[in-house]
């Protein structure tokens, strides 16, 4: 790798909970002096502020380190655009997991370029499959009449039982906490239901 420029690391996690600390540790272990950490997802460079900051920050002779190809970009077109731009600016780039590096100013081997594009394409293909399977699963569940949102905290039967017990507290001597514990209805849910019924009775 380049000995004169700086080592810059780029890490990105999406909202699905990838491990940011692992990426950070790998980049620091590689000797990165500065890290740009992204916590958003997207298919283009425009919404990723930290990536834009990195591209503006790096200078000729620097080396950008990324833990995996799919952390830098979400599509093969985006990937090639970013890498090509860095190389043209005299910036080296290395992908740690794939053990691929591109050095600015040097003729990168055809095998290296082919491997880079193949791995990038597979990463995009894998993401597309996941999205497709998730969508298909959701559609099948909807067709089968399954509810896709959060499960109801209490059934109608439990709620009606809780309301009845609450109305007869003078006779049964039960507290709200006792009623909620017995029926499984949450206190806030019970109060909201009682308030709604009181309003409708007015």
N, C-alpha and C. Protein backbone atom coordinates (compact mmCIF):
# COMPACT_ATOMS: atom_id res chain seq x y z
N UNK A 1 0.83 -1.20 0.00
CA UNK A 1 0.00 0.00 0.00
C UNK A 1 0.86 1.25 0.00
N UNK A 2 0.22 2.35 -0.12
CA UNK A 2 0.89 3.64 -0.16
C UNK A 2 1.50 3.99 1.19
N UNK A 3 2.73 4.47 1.18
CA UNK A 3 3.42 4.78 2.42
C UNK A 3 3.40 6.27 2.75
N UNK A 4 3.06 7.11 1.80
CA UNK A 4 3.15 8.56 2.00
C UNK A 4 1.83 9.18 2.44
N UNK A 5 0.72 8.70 1.86
CA UNK A 5 -0.57 9.30 2.18
C UNK A 5 -1.13 8.79 3.49
N UNK A 6 -2.34 9.22 3.78
CA UNK A 6 -3.02 8.82 5.02
C UNK A 6 -3.94 7.62 4.77
N UNK A 7 -4.19 6.87 5.84
CA UNK A 7 -5.10 5.74 5.77
C UNK A 7 -6.46 6.20 6.32
N UNK A 8 -7.46 6.13 5.47
CA UNK A 8 -8.79 6.60 5.81
C UNK A 8 -9.76 5.42 5.78
N UNK A 9 -10.58 5.29 6.82
CA UNK A 9 -11.53 4.18 6.87
C UNK A 9 -12.96 4.65 6.66
N UNK A 10 -13.75 3.80 6.01
CA UNK A 10 -15.17 4.10 5.81
C UNK A 10 -15.99 2.90 6.29
N UNK A 11 -16.97 3.17 7.14
CA UNK A 11 -17.85 2.11 7.65
C UNK A 11 -19.29 2.56 7.47
N UNK A 12 -20.16 1.60 7.18
CA UNK A 12 -21.58 1.94 7.02
C UNK A 12 -22.44 0.83 7.60
N UNK A 13 -23.45 1.23 8.33
CA UNK A 13 -24.46 0.29 8.81
C UNK A 13 -25.82 0.80 8.40
N UNK A 14 -26.72 -0.14 8.08
CA UNK A 14 -28.07 0.24 7.71
C UNK A 14 -28.96 0.12 8.94
N UNK A 15 -30.27 0.34 8.75
CA UNK A 15 -31.20 0.29 9.86
C UNK A 15 -31.53 -1.12 10.29
N UNK A 16 -31.02 -2.12 9.59
CA UNK A 16 -31.31 -3.49 9.96
C UNK A 16 -30.35 -4.03 11.00
N UNK A 17 -29.44 -3.18 11.48
CA UNK A 17 -28.63 -3.54 12.63
C UNK A 17 -27.33 -4.24 12.38
N UNK A 18 -26.62 -3.90 11.33
CA UNK A 18 -25.30 -4.48 11.15
C UNK A 18 -24.36 -4.02 12.26
N UNK A 19 -23.29 -4.78 12.47
CA UNK A 19 -22.37 -4.52 13.56
C UNK A 19 -21.36 -3.44 13.20
N UNK A 20 -21.55 -2.26 13.74
CA UNK A 20 -20.67 -1.13 13.46
C UNK A 20 -19.32 -1.29 14.15
N UNK A 21 -19.34 -1.80 15.37
CA UNK A 21 -18.10 -1.91 16.14
C UNK A 21 -17.10 -2.84 15.48
N UNK A 22 -17.57 -3.92 14.86
CA UNK A 22 -16.67 -4.85 14.18
C UNK A 22 -15.96 -4.15 13.03
N UNK A 23 -16.72 -3.37 12.26
CA UNK A 23 -16.13 -2.62 11.14
C UNK A 23 -15.10 -1.63 11.67
N UNK A 24 -15.47 -0.94 12.73
CA UNK A 24 -14.58 0.07 13.31
C UNK A 24 -13.26 -0.57 13.77
N UNK A 25 -13.36 -1.71 14.45
CA UNK A 25 -12.17 -2.40 14.96
C UNK A 25 -11.25 -2.85 13.83
N UNK A 26 -11.84 -3.39 12.76
CA UNK A 26 -11.04 -3.85 11.63
C UNK A 26 -10.30 -2.70 10.96
N UNK A 27 -10.97 -1.57 10.84
CA UNK A 27 -10.36 -0.41 10.19
C UNK A 27 -9.24 0.18 11.05
N UNK A 28 -9.45 0.23 12.35
CA UNK A 28 -8.41 0.74 13.25
C UNK A 28 -7.22 -0.20 13.29
N UNK A 29 -7.50 -1.50 13.23
CA UNK A 29 -6.43 -2.49 13.22
C UNK A 29 -5.57 -2.35 11.96
N UNK A 30 -6.19 -1.91 10.88
CA UNK A 30 -5.48 -1.71 9.62
C UNK A 30 -4.63 -0.44 9.66
N UNK A 31 -4.81 0.35 10.70
CA UNK A 31 -4.00 1.56 10.86
C UNK A 31 -4.66 2.83 10.36
N UNK A 32 -5.97 2.79 10.18
CA UNK A 32 -6.67 3.99 9.69
C UNK A 32 -6.57 5.11 10.72
N UNK A 33 -6.20 6.28 10.25
CA UNK A 33 -6.01 7.44 11.13
C UNK A 33 -7.31 8.22 11.31
N UNK A 34 -8.21 8.08 10.36
CA UNK A 34 -9.48 8.80 10.44
C UNK A 34 -10.58 7.91 9.89
N UNK A 35 -11.73 7.90 10.59
CA UNK A 35 -12.85 7.07 10.16
C UNK A 35 -14.05 7.94 9.81
N UNK A 36 -14.73 7.54 8.74
CA UNK A 36 -16.00 8.15 8.38
C UNK A 36 -17.06 7.07 8.57
N UNK A 37 -17.98 7.30 9.50
CA UNK A 37 -18.96 6.28 9.86
C UNK A 37 -20.36 6.72 9.44
N UNK A 38 -20.99 5.89 8.64
CA UNK A 38 -22.33 6.19 8.09
C UNK A 38 -23.35 5.30 8.78
N UNK A 39 -24.50 5.89 9.12
CA UNK A 39 -25.55 5.11 9.77
C UNK A 39 -26.87 5.19 9.01
N UNK A 40 -26.77 5.28 7.71
CA UNK A 40 -27.98 5.31 6.88
C UNK A 40 -27.81 4.31 5.76
N UNK A 41 -28.93 4.02 5.10
CA UNK A 41 -28.91 3.12 3.96
C UNK A 41 -29.34 3.88 2.71
N UNK A 42 -28.98 3.37 1.56
CA UNK A 42 -29.39 4.04 0.32
C UNK A 42 -28.75 3.39 -0.89
N UNK A 43 -29.29 3.69 -2.07
CA UNK A 43 -28.79 3.09 -3.29
C UNK A 43 -27.90 4.03 -4.09
N UNK A 44 -27.72 5.25 -3.61
CA UNK A 44 -26.86 6.18 -4.33
C UNK A 44 -26.00 6.93 -3.34
N UNK A 45 -25.06 7.72 -3.85
CA UNK A 45 -24.15 8.43 -2.97
C UNK A 45 -24.80 9.67 -2.35
N UNK A 46 -25.85 10.20 -2.97
CA UNK A 46 -26.41 11.48 -2.54
C UNK A 46 -26.89 11.54 -1.09
N UNK A 47 -27.57 10.50 -0.54
CA UNK A 47 -28.05 10.66 0.83
C UNK A 47 -26.99 10.36 1.88
N UNK A 48 -25.82 9.93 1.47
CA UNK A 48 -24.81 9.51 2.44
C UNK A 48 -23.80 10.63 2.68
N UNK A 49 -24.07 11.40 3.71
CA UNK A 49 -23.26 12.57 4.00
C UNK A 49 -21.81 12.21 4.33
N UNK A 50 -21.61 11.15 5.12
CA UNK A 50 -20.26 10.79 5.53
C UNK A 50 -19.42 10.32 4.34
N UNK A 51 -20.05 9.65 3.39
CA UNK A 51 -19.32 9.24 2.19
C UNK A 51 -18.93 10.48 1.39
N UNK A 52 -19.86 11.42 1.28
CA UNK A 52 -19.56 12.67 0.57
C UNK A 52 -18.42 13.41 1.27
N UNK A 53 -18.44 13.41 2.60
CA UNK A 53 -17.38 14.06 3.37
C UNK A 53 -16.03 13.38 3.12
N UNK A 54 -16.05 12.04 3.06
CA UNK A 54 -14.82 11.30 2.79
C UNK A 54 -14.25 11.64 1.42
N UNK A 55 -15.12 11.63 0.42
CA UNK A 55 -14.67 11.92 -0.95
C UNK A 55 -14.10 13.33 -1.06
N UNK A 56 -14.62 14.22 -0.24
CA UNK A 56 -14.13 15.59 -0.24
C UNK A 56 -12.82 15.71 0.56
N UNK A 57 -12.65 14.82 1.53
CA UNK A 57 -11.51 14.89 2.44
C UNK A 57 -10.22 14.28 1.87
N UNK A 58 -10.36 13.13 1.18
CA UNK A 58 -9.17 12.40 0.74
C UNK A 58 -8.37 13.20 -0.30
N UNK A 59 -7.07 12.95 -0.29
CA UNK A 59 -6.16 13.62 -1.20
C UNK A 59 -5.32 12.58 -1.94
N UNK A 60 -4.69 13.01 -2.99
CA UNK A 60 -3.83 12.12 -3.78
C UNK A 60 -2.80 11.45 -2.88
N UNK A 61 -2.67 10.15 -3.03
CA UNK A 61 -1.72 9.39 -2.22
C UNK A 61 -2.35 8.71 -1.02
N UNK A 62 -3.56 9.14 -0.64
CA UNK A 62 -4.26 8.51 0.48
C UNK A 62 -4.78 7.13 0.08
N UNK A 63 -5.11 6.33 1.08
CA UNK A 63 -5.72 5.02 0.83
C UNK A 63 -7.00 4.91 1.64
N UNK A 64 -8.07 4.57 0.98
CA UNK A 64 -9.36 4.37 1.64
C UNK A 64 -9.54 2.88 1.90
N UNK A 65 -9.87 2.54 3.15
CA UNK A 65 -10.12 1.15 3.53
C UNK A 65 -11.60 0.95 3.84
N UNK A 66 -12.16 -0.13 3.31
CA UNK A 66 -13.54 -0.51 3.57
C UNK A 66 -13.54 -1.98 3.93
N UNK A 67 -14.33 -2.38 4.93
CA UNK A 67 -14.29 -3.78 5.38
C UNK A 67 -14.84 -4.74 4.32
N UNK A 68 -15.92 -4.35 3.64
CA UNK A 68 -16.52 -5.20 2.61
C UNK A 68 -17.01 -4.33 1.46
N UNK A 69 -17.06 -4.92 0.29
CA UNK A 69 -17.51 -4.20 -0.91
C UNK A 69 -18.90 -3.60 -0.72
N UNK A 70 -19.83 -4.38 -0.13
CA UNK A 70 -21.20 -3.87 -0.03
C UNK A 70 -21.38 -2.78 1.02
N UNK A 71 -20.33 -2.50 1.79
CA UNK A 71 -20.40 -1.38 2.74
C UNK A 71 -20.18 -0.06 2.03
N UNK A 72 -19.50 -0.07 0.90
CA UNK A 72 -19.21 1.16 0.17
C UNK A 72 -20.37 1.57 -0.72
N UNK A 73 -21.04 0.59 -1.31
CA UNK A 73 -22.10 0.92 -2.27
C UNK A 73 -23.19 -0.13 -2.23
N UNK A 74 -24.38 0.25 -2.71
CA UNK A 74 -25.52 -0.65 -2.72
C UNK A 74 -25.87 -1.17 -4.11
N UNK A 75 -25.10 -0.76 -5.11
CA UNK A 75 -25.33 -1.27 -6.46
C UNK A 75 -23.99 -1.31 -7.18
N UNK A 76 -23.89 -2.15 -8.19
CA UNK A 76 -22.63 -2.30 -8.93
C UNK A 76 -22.29 -1.02 -9.68
N UNK A 77 -23.31 -0.30 -10.15
CA UNK A 77 -23.09 0.97 -10.86
C UNK A 77 -22.50 2.01 -9.91
N UNK A 78 -23.10 2.11 -8.74
CA UNK A 78 -22.63 3.04 -7.71
C UNK A 78 -21.20 2.69 -7.28
N UNK A 79 -20.97 1.39 -7.13
CA UNK A 79 -19.65 0.90 -6.71
C UNK A 79 -18.56 1.31 -7.70
N UNK A 80 -18.79 1.07 -8.96
CA UNK A 80 -17.81 1.42 -9.99
C UNK A 80 -17.59 2.93 -10.09
N UNK A 81 -18.67 3.67 -9.91
CA UNK A 81 -18.57 5.13 -9.97
C UNK A 81 -17.67 5.66 -8.86
N UNK A 82 -17.86 5.17 -7.64
CA UNK A 82 -17.06 5.64 -6.51
C UNK A 82 -15.60 5.25 -6.65
N UNK A 83 -15.37 3.97 -6.97
CA UNK A 83 -14.00 3.47 -7.09
C UNK A 83 -13.25 4.17 -8.22
N UNK A 84 -13.92 4.32 -9.36
CA UNK A 84 -13.29 4.98 -10.50
C UNK A 84 -12.93 6.43 -10.16
N UNK A 85 -13.85 7.10 -9.43
CA UNK A 85 -13.59 8.48 -9.05
C UNK A 85 -12.40 8.60 -8.11
N UNK A 86 -12.27 7.68 -7.18
CA UNK A 86 -11.15 7.70 -6.24
C UNK A 86 -9.83 7.47 -6.97
N UNK A 87 -9.81 6.48 -7.84
CA UNK A 87 -8.57 6.16 -8.57
C UNK A 87 -8.14 7.32 -9.46
N UNK A 88 -9.11 7.95 -10.12
CA UNK A 88 -8.78 9.10 -10.97
C UNK A 88 -8.23 10.26 -10.16
N UNK A 89 -8.63 10.32 -8.88
CA UNK A 89 -8.13 11.38 -8.00
C UNK A 89 -6.80 11.02 -7.35
N UNK A 90 -6.26 9.86 -7.73
CA UNK A 90 -4.97 9.45 -7.17
C UNK A 90 -5.09 8.80 -5.80
N UNK A 91 -6.29 8.32 -5.47
CA UNK A 91 -6.53 7.70 -4.16
C UNK A 91 -6.62 6.19 -4.32
N UNK A 92 -5.90 5.46 -3.49
CA UNK A 92 -5.97 4.00 -3.48
C UNK A 92 -7.20 3.55 -2.70
N UNK A 93 -7.69 2.35 -2.97
CA UNK A 93 -8.82 1.83 -2.20
C UNK A 93 -8.63 0.33 -1.98
N UNK A 94 -8.94 -0.11 -0.77
CA UNK A 94 -8.76 -1.52 -0.41
C UNK A 94 -10.00 -2.05 0.29
N UNK A 95 -10.40 -3.28 -0.08
CA UNK A 95 -11.52 -3.96 0.56
C UNK A 95 -10.95 -5.13 1.35
N UNK A 96 -11.10 -5.07 2.67
CA UNK A 96 -10.41 -6.00 3.55
C UNK A 96 -10.90 -7.44 3.42
N UNK A 97 -12.20 -7.67 3.49
CA UNK A 97 -12.71 -9.04 3.46
C UNK A 97 -12.38 -9.73 2.15
N UNK A 98 -12.58 -9.02 1.04
CA UNK A 98 -12.33 -9.62 -0.27
C UNK A 98 -10.85 -9.64 -0.63
N UNK A 99 -10.04 -8.93 0.17
CA UNK A 99 -8.59 -8.85 -0.09
C UNK A 99 -8.30 -8.33 -1.49
N UNK A 100 -9.02 -7.27 -1.85
CA UNK A 100 -8.85 -6.62 -3.15
C UNK A 100 -8.40 -5.19 -2.92
N UNK A 101 -7.41 -4.75 -3.68
CA UNK A 101 -6.98 -3.37 -3.59
C UNK A 101 -6.72 -2.80 -4.98
N UNK A 102 -7.04 -1.54 -5.11
CA UNK A 102 -6.79 -0.83 -6.36
C UNK A 102 -5.87 0.34 -6.06
N UNK A 103 -4.76 0.39 -6.77
CA UNK A 103 -3.78 1.45 -6.56
C UNK A 103 -3.86 2.47 -7.68
N UNK A 104 -3.99 3.71 -7.30
CA UNK A 104 -4.05 4.80 -8.28
C UNK A 104 -2.72 4.91 -9.00
N UNK A 105 -2.79 5.17 -10.31
CA UNK A 105 -1.56 5.37 -11.07
C UNK A 105 -0.92 4.09 -11.55
N UNK A 106 -1.47 2.95 -11.13
CA UNK A 106 -0.93 1.66 -11.57
C UNK A 106 -1.96 0.95 -12.45
N UNK A 107 -1.48 0.11 -13.29
CA UNK A 107 -2.37 -0.69 -14.14
C UNK A 107 -2.87 -1.86 -13.31
N UNK A 108 -4.11 -1.75 -12.84
CA UNK A 108 -4.67 -2.83 -12.03
C UNK A 108 -4.97 -4.04 -12.91
N UNK A 109 -4.66 -5.21 -12.40
CA UNK A 109 -4.78 -6.42 -13.21
C UNK A 109 -6.21 -6.67 -13.64
N UNK A 110 -6.36 -7.29 -14.81
CA UNK A 110 -7.69 -7.59 -15.33
C UNK A 110 -8.41 -8.59 -14.42
N UNK A 111 -7.65 -9.52 -13.83
CA UNK A 111 -8.24 -10.51 -12.92
C UNK A 111 -8.80 -9.80 -11.68
N UNK A 112 -8.05 -8.84 -11.17
CA UNK A 112 -8.48 -8.08 -10.00
C UNK A 112 -9.77 -7.32 -10.30
N UNK A 113 -9.81 -6.68 -11.45
CA UNK A 113 -10.99 -5.92 -11.85
C UNK A 113 -12.19 -6.83 -12.05
N UNK A 114 -11.97 -7.98 -12.67
CA UNK A 114 -13.04 -8.94 -12.88
C UNK A 114 -13.60 -9.44 -11.55
N UNK A 115 -12.70 -9.80 -10.64
CA UNK A 115 -13.11 -10.30 -9.33
C UNK A 115 -13.92 -9.25 -8.58
N UNK A 116 -13.45 -8.02 -8.65
CA UNK A 116 -14.13 -6.91 -8.00
C UNK A 116 -15.56 -6.77 -8.50
N UNK A 117 -15.74 -6.79 -9.81
CA UNK A 117 -17.07 -6.64 -10.39
C UNK A 117 -17.97 -7.84 -10.11
N UNK A 118 -17.39 -9.03 -10.13
CA UNK A 118 -18.17 -10.23 -9.85
C UNK A 118 -18.67 -10.22 -8.40
N UNK A 119 -17.77 -9.91 -7.46
CA UNK A 119 -18.15 -9.88 -6.05
C UNK A 119 -19.18 -8.78 -5.79
N UNK A 120 -18.98 -7.63 -6.43
CA UNK A 120 -19.94 -6.55 -6.28
C UNK A 120 -21.31 -6.93 -6.81
N UNK A 121 -21.33 -7.62 -7.94
CA UNK A 121 -22.58 -8.06 -8.54
C UNK A 121 -23.29 -9.08 -7.65
N UNK A 122 -22.52 -10.00 -7.07
CA UNK A 122 -23.10 -11.00 -6.18
C UNK A 122 -23.69 -10.34 -4.93
N UNK A 123 -23.01 -9.33 -4.41
CA UNK A 123 -23.50 -8.63 -3.22
C UNK A 123 -24.84 -7.95 -3.52
N UNK A 124 -24.94 -7.32 -4.70
CA UNK A 124 -26.18 -6.67 -5.10
C UNK A 124 -27.27 -7.71 -5.33
N UNK A 125 -26.91 -8.82 -5.98
CA UNK A 125 -27.87 -9.88 -6.26
C UNK A 125 -28.43 -10.46 -4.96
N UNK A 126 -27.56 -10.66 -3.97
CA UNK A 126 -27.98 -11.21 -2.69
C UNK A 126 -28.96 -10.26 -1.99
N UNK A 127 -28.68 -8.97 -2.03
CA UNK A 127 -29.59 -8.00 -1.42
C UNK A 127 -30.94 -8.00 -2.12
N UNK A 128 -30.92 -8.06 -3.47
CA UNK A 128 -32.17 -8.08 -4.23
C UNK A 128 -33.00 -9.31 -3.88
N UNK A 129 -32.33 -10.46 -3.70
CA UNK A 129 -33.04 -11.69 -3.35
C UNK A 129 -33.71 -11.56 -1.99
N UNK A 130 -32.98 -10.97 -1.03
CA UNK A 130 -33.53 -10.80 0.31
C UNK A 130 -34.78 -9.93 0.26
N UNK A 131 -34.71 -8.82 -0.48
CA UNK A 131 -35.85 -7.93 -0.61
C UNK A 131 -37.02 -8.65 -1.27
N UNK A 132 -36.70 -9.41 -2.33
CA UNK A 132 -37.75 -10.14 -3.06
C UNK A 132 -38.42 -11.18 -2.17
N UNK A 133 -37.62 -11.94 -1.42
CA UNK A 133 -38.19 -12.97 -0.56
C UNK A 133 -39.03 -12.37 0.56
N UNK A 134 -38.56 -11.25 1.10
CA UNK A 134 -39.31 -10.58 2.16
C UNK A 134 -40.65 -10.09 1.63
N UNK A 135 -40.63 -9.51 0.43
CA UNK A 135 -41.87 -9.01 -0.18
C UNK A 135 -42.83 -10.15 -0.46
N UNK A 136 -42.31 -11.26 -1.01
CA UNK A 136 -43.15 -12.42 -1.33
C UNK A 136 -43.75 -13.00 -0.06
N UNK A 137 -42.95 -13.08 0.99
CA UNK A 137 -43.44 -13.62 2.26
C UNK A 137 -44.54 -12.76 2.84
N UNK A 138 -44.38 -11.45 2.73
CA UNK A 138 -45.39 -10.53 3.24
C UNK A 138 -46.69 -10.67 2.44
N UNK A 139 -46.56 -10.80 1.11
CA UNK A 139 -47.74 -10.93 0.27
C UNK A 139 -48.47 -12.24 0.55
N UNK A 140 -47.71 -13.33 0.76
CA UNK A 140 -48.34 -14.62 1.08
C UNK A 140 -49.08 -14.54 2.40
N UNK A 141 -48.47 -13.87 3.37
CA UNK A 141 -49.09 -13.74 4.68
C UNK A 141 -50.39 -12.93 4.59
N UNK A 142 -50.36 -11.86 3.78
CA UNK A 142 -51.55 -11.05 3.60
C UNK A 142 -52.66 -11.86 2.93
N UNK A 143 -52.27 -12.64 1.91
CA UNK A 143 -53.24 -13.45 1.18
C UNK A 143 -53.88 -14.50 2.10
N UNK A 144 -53.09 -14.95 3.09
CA UNK A 144 -53.59 -15.96 4.03
C UNK A 144 -54.38 -15.33 5.17
N UNK A 145 -54.48 -14.00 5.12
CA UNK A 145 -55.25 -13.30 6.13
C UNK A 145 -54.52 -13.03 7.42
N UNK A 146 -53.19 -13.15 7.39
CA UNK A 146 -52.40 -12.90 8.60
C UNK A 146 -52.14 -11.42 8.76
N UNK A 147 -52.17 -10.96 10.02
CA UNK A 147 -51.91 -9.56 10.32
C UNK A 147 -50.40 -9.33 10.36
N UNK A 148 -49.90 -8.34 9.58
CA UNK A 148 -48.46 -8.12 9.48
C UNK A 148 -47.93 -7.09 10.47
N UNK A 149 -48.81 -6.39 11.14
CA UNK A 149 -48.34 -5.38 12.09
C UNK A 149 -48.01 -6.00 13.45
N UNK A 150 -47.86 -5.14 14.46
CA UNK A 150 -47.59 -5.63 15.79
C UNK A 150 -48.81 -6.36 16.32
N UNK A 151 -48.61 -7.47 17.04
CA UNK A 151 -49.76 -8.18 17.58
C UNK A 151 -50.48 -7.33 18.62
N UNK A 152 -51.77 -7.51 18.68
CA UNK A 152 -52.55 -6.75 19.66
C UNK A 152 -52.08 -7.11 21.06
N UNK A 153 -51.96 -6.10 21.92
CA UNK A 153 -51.45 -6.35 23.27
C UNK A 153 -52.43 -7.18 24.09
N UNK A 154 -53.73 -7.08 23.79
CA UNK A 154 -54.74 -7.83 24.52
C UNK A 154 -55.87 -8.20 23.57
N UNK A 155 -56.50 -9.35 23.84
CA UNK A 155 -57.64 -9.74 23.02
C UNK A 155 -58.88 -8.99 23.51
N UNK A 156 -59.91 -8.98 22.67
CA UNK A 156 -61.16 -8.31 23.04
C UNK A 156 -61.76 -8.95 24.30
N UNK A 157 -61.60 -10.26 24.38
CA UNK A 157 -62.15 -10.98 25.53
C UNK A 157 -61.46 -10.55 26.83
N UNK A 158 -60.13 -10.43 26.77
CA UNK A 158 -59.38 -10.00 27.94
C UNK A 158 -59.72 -8.56 28.32
N UNK A 159 -59.87 -7.72 27.31
CA UNK A 159 -60.19 -6.32 27.55
C UNK A 159 -61.57 -6.17 28.19
N UNK A 160 -62.54 -6.91 27.67
CA UNK A 160 -63.89 -6.83 28.23
C UNK A 160 -63.92 -7.32 29.67
N UNK A 161 -63.13 -8.36 29.94
CA UNK A 161 -63.05 -8.88 31.31
C UNK A 161 -62.44 -7.84 32.23
N UNK A 162 -61.39 -7.15 31.75
CA UNK A 162 -60.72 -6.13 32.55
C UNK A 162 -61.67 -4.96 32.84
N UNK A 163 -62.43 -4.56 31.83
CA UNK A 163 -63.38 -3.45 32.01
C UNK A 163 -64.47 -3.83 33.02
N UNK A 164 -64.94 -5.06 32.91
CA UNK A 164 -65.99 -5.53 33.83
C UNK A 164 -65.48 -5.55 35.27
N UNK A 165 -64.27 -6.05 35.45
CA UNK A 165 -63.68 -6.09 36.79
C UNK A 165 -63.45 -4.68 37.34
N UNK A 166 -63.07 -3.77 36.45
CA UNK A 166 -62.83 -2.39 36.87
C UNK A 166 -64.13 -1.73 37.32
N UNK A 167 -65.20 -2.01 36.63
CA UNK A 167 -66.50 -1.42 36.99
C UNK A 167 -67.02 -1.97 38.32
N UNK A 168 -66.61 -3.17 38.66
CA UNK A 168 -67.09 -3.81 39.89
C UNK A 168 -66.04 -3.82 40.99
N UNK A 169 -65.13 -2.84 40.94
CA UNK A 169 -64.05 -2.81 41.93
C UNK A 169 -64.57 -2.67 43.36
N UNK A 170 -65.69 -1.97 43.53
CA UNK A 170 -66.24 -1.80 44.87
C UNK A 170 -66.66 -3.13 45.47
N UNK A 171 -67.09 -4.04 44.59
CA UNK A 171 -67.55 -5.35 45.07
C UNK A 171 -66.40 -6.35 45.18
N UNK A 172 -65.51 -6.34 44.17
CA UNK A 172 -64.45 -7.36 44.18
C UNK A 172 -63.20 -6.92 44.95
N UNK A 173 -63.09 -5.63 45.24
CA UNK A 173 -61.96 -5.14 46.02
C UNK A 173 -60.63 -5.20 45.28
N UNK A 174 -60.66 -5.33 43.97
CA UNK A 174 -59.42 -5.45 43.19
C UNK A 174 -58.89 -4.07 42.80
N UNK A 175 -57.58 -3.93 42.83
CA UNK A 175 -56.94 -2.70 42.36
C UNK A 175 -56.73 -2.80 40.85
N UNK A 176 -56.38 -1.67 40.23
CA UNK A 176 -56.10 -1.69 38.79
C UNK A 176 -54.93 -2.63 38.50
N UNK A 177 -53.93 -2.62 39.37
CA UNK A 177 -52.77 -3.50 39.19
C UNK A 177 -53.20 -4.96 39.23
N UNK A 178 -54.13 -5.30 40.15
CA UNK A 178 -54.63 -6.68 40.26
C UNK A 178 -55.35 -7.08 38.97
N UNK A 179 -56.17 -6.16 38.47
CA UNK A 179 -56.94 -6.45 37.25
C UNK A 179 -56.01 -6.67 36.06
N UNK A 180 -55.01 -5.81 35.93
CA UNK A 180 -54.07 -5.94 34.81
C UNK A 180 -53.27 -7.23 34.91
N UNK A 181 -52.89 -7.59 36.13
CA UNK A 181 -52.12 -8.81 36.34
C UNK A 181 -52.96 -10.05 36.00
N UNK A 182 -54.23 -10.00 36.36
CA UNK A 182 -55.12 -11.13 36.14
C UNK A 182 -55.47 -11.32 34.66
N UNK A 183 -55.73 -10.22 33.98
CA UNK A 183 -56.20 -10.29 32.58
C UNK A 183 -55.07 -10.20 31.55
N UNK A 184 -53.93 -9.66 31.96
CA UNK A 184 -52.83 -9.48 31.01
C UNK A 184 -52.94 -8.20 30.20
N UNK A 185 -53.94 -7.39 30.53
CA UNK A 185 -54.12 -6.11 29.85
C UNK A 185 -53.19 -5.07 30.47
N UNK A 186 -52.53 -4.29 29.64
CA UNK A 186 -51.63 -3.27 30.16
C UNK A 186 -52.44 -2.13 30.77
N UNK A 187 -51.86 -1.53 31.82
CA UNK A 187 -52.54 -0.45 32.53
C UNK A 187 -52.91 0.71 31.58
N UNK A 188 -51.94 1.13 30.77
CA UNK A 188 -52.18 2.26 29.86
C UNK A 188 -53.27 1.92 28.85
N UNK A 189 -53.28 0.66 28.37
CA UNK A 189 -54.29 0.23 27.40
C UNK A 189 -55.67 0.23 28.04
N UNK A 190 -55.75 -0.23 29.30
CA UNK A 190 -57.03 -0.25 30.01
C UNK A 190 -57.56 1.16 30.23
N UNK A 191 -56.69 2.05 30.67
CA UNK A 191 -57.11 3.42 30.91
C UNK A 191 -57.58 4.10 29.62
N UNK A 192 -56.86 3.82 28.51
CA UNK A 192 -57.23 4.42 27.23
C UNK A 192 -58.61 3.93 26.79
N UNK A 193 -58.88 2.64 27.01
CA UNK A 193 -60.17 2.07 26.63
C UNK A 193 -61.29 2.63 27.49
N UNK A 194 -61.01 2.77 28.79
CA UNK A 194 -62.02 3.32 29.69
C UNK A 194 -62.33 4.77 29.36
N UNK A 195 -61.28 5.53 29.00
CA UNK A 195 -61.47 6.93 28.63
C UNK A 195 -62.29 7.04 27.36
N UNK A 196 -61.99 6.16 26.39
CA UNK A 196 -62.71 6.18 25.12
C UNK A 196 -64.19 5.87 25.33
N UNK A 197 -64.46 4.89 26.20
CA UNK A 197 -65.85 4.51 26.47
C UNK A 197 -66.59 5.63 27.20
N UNK A 198 -65.87 6.29 28.14
CA UNK A 198 -66.48 7.39 28.89
C UNK A 198 -66.85 8.54 27.97
N UNK A 199 -65.99 8.79 27.00
CA UNK A 199 -66.22 9.87 26.04
C UNK A 199 -67.41 9.56 25.15
N UNK A 200 -67.49 8.29 24.74
CA UNK A 200 -68.58 7.89 23.84
C UNK A 200 -69.93 7.90 24.53
N UNK A 201 -69.90 7.77 25.87
CA UNK A 201 -71.16 7.75 26.63
C UNK A 201 -71.71 9.15 26.85
N UNK A 202 -70.88 10.17 26.63
CA UNK A 202 -71.30 11.56 26.88
C UNK A 202 -72.26 12.02 25.78
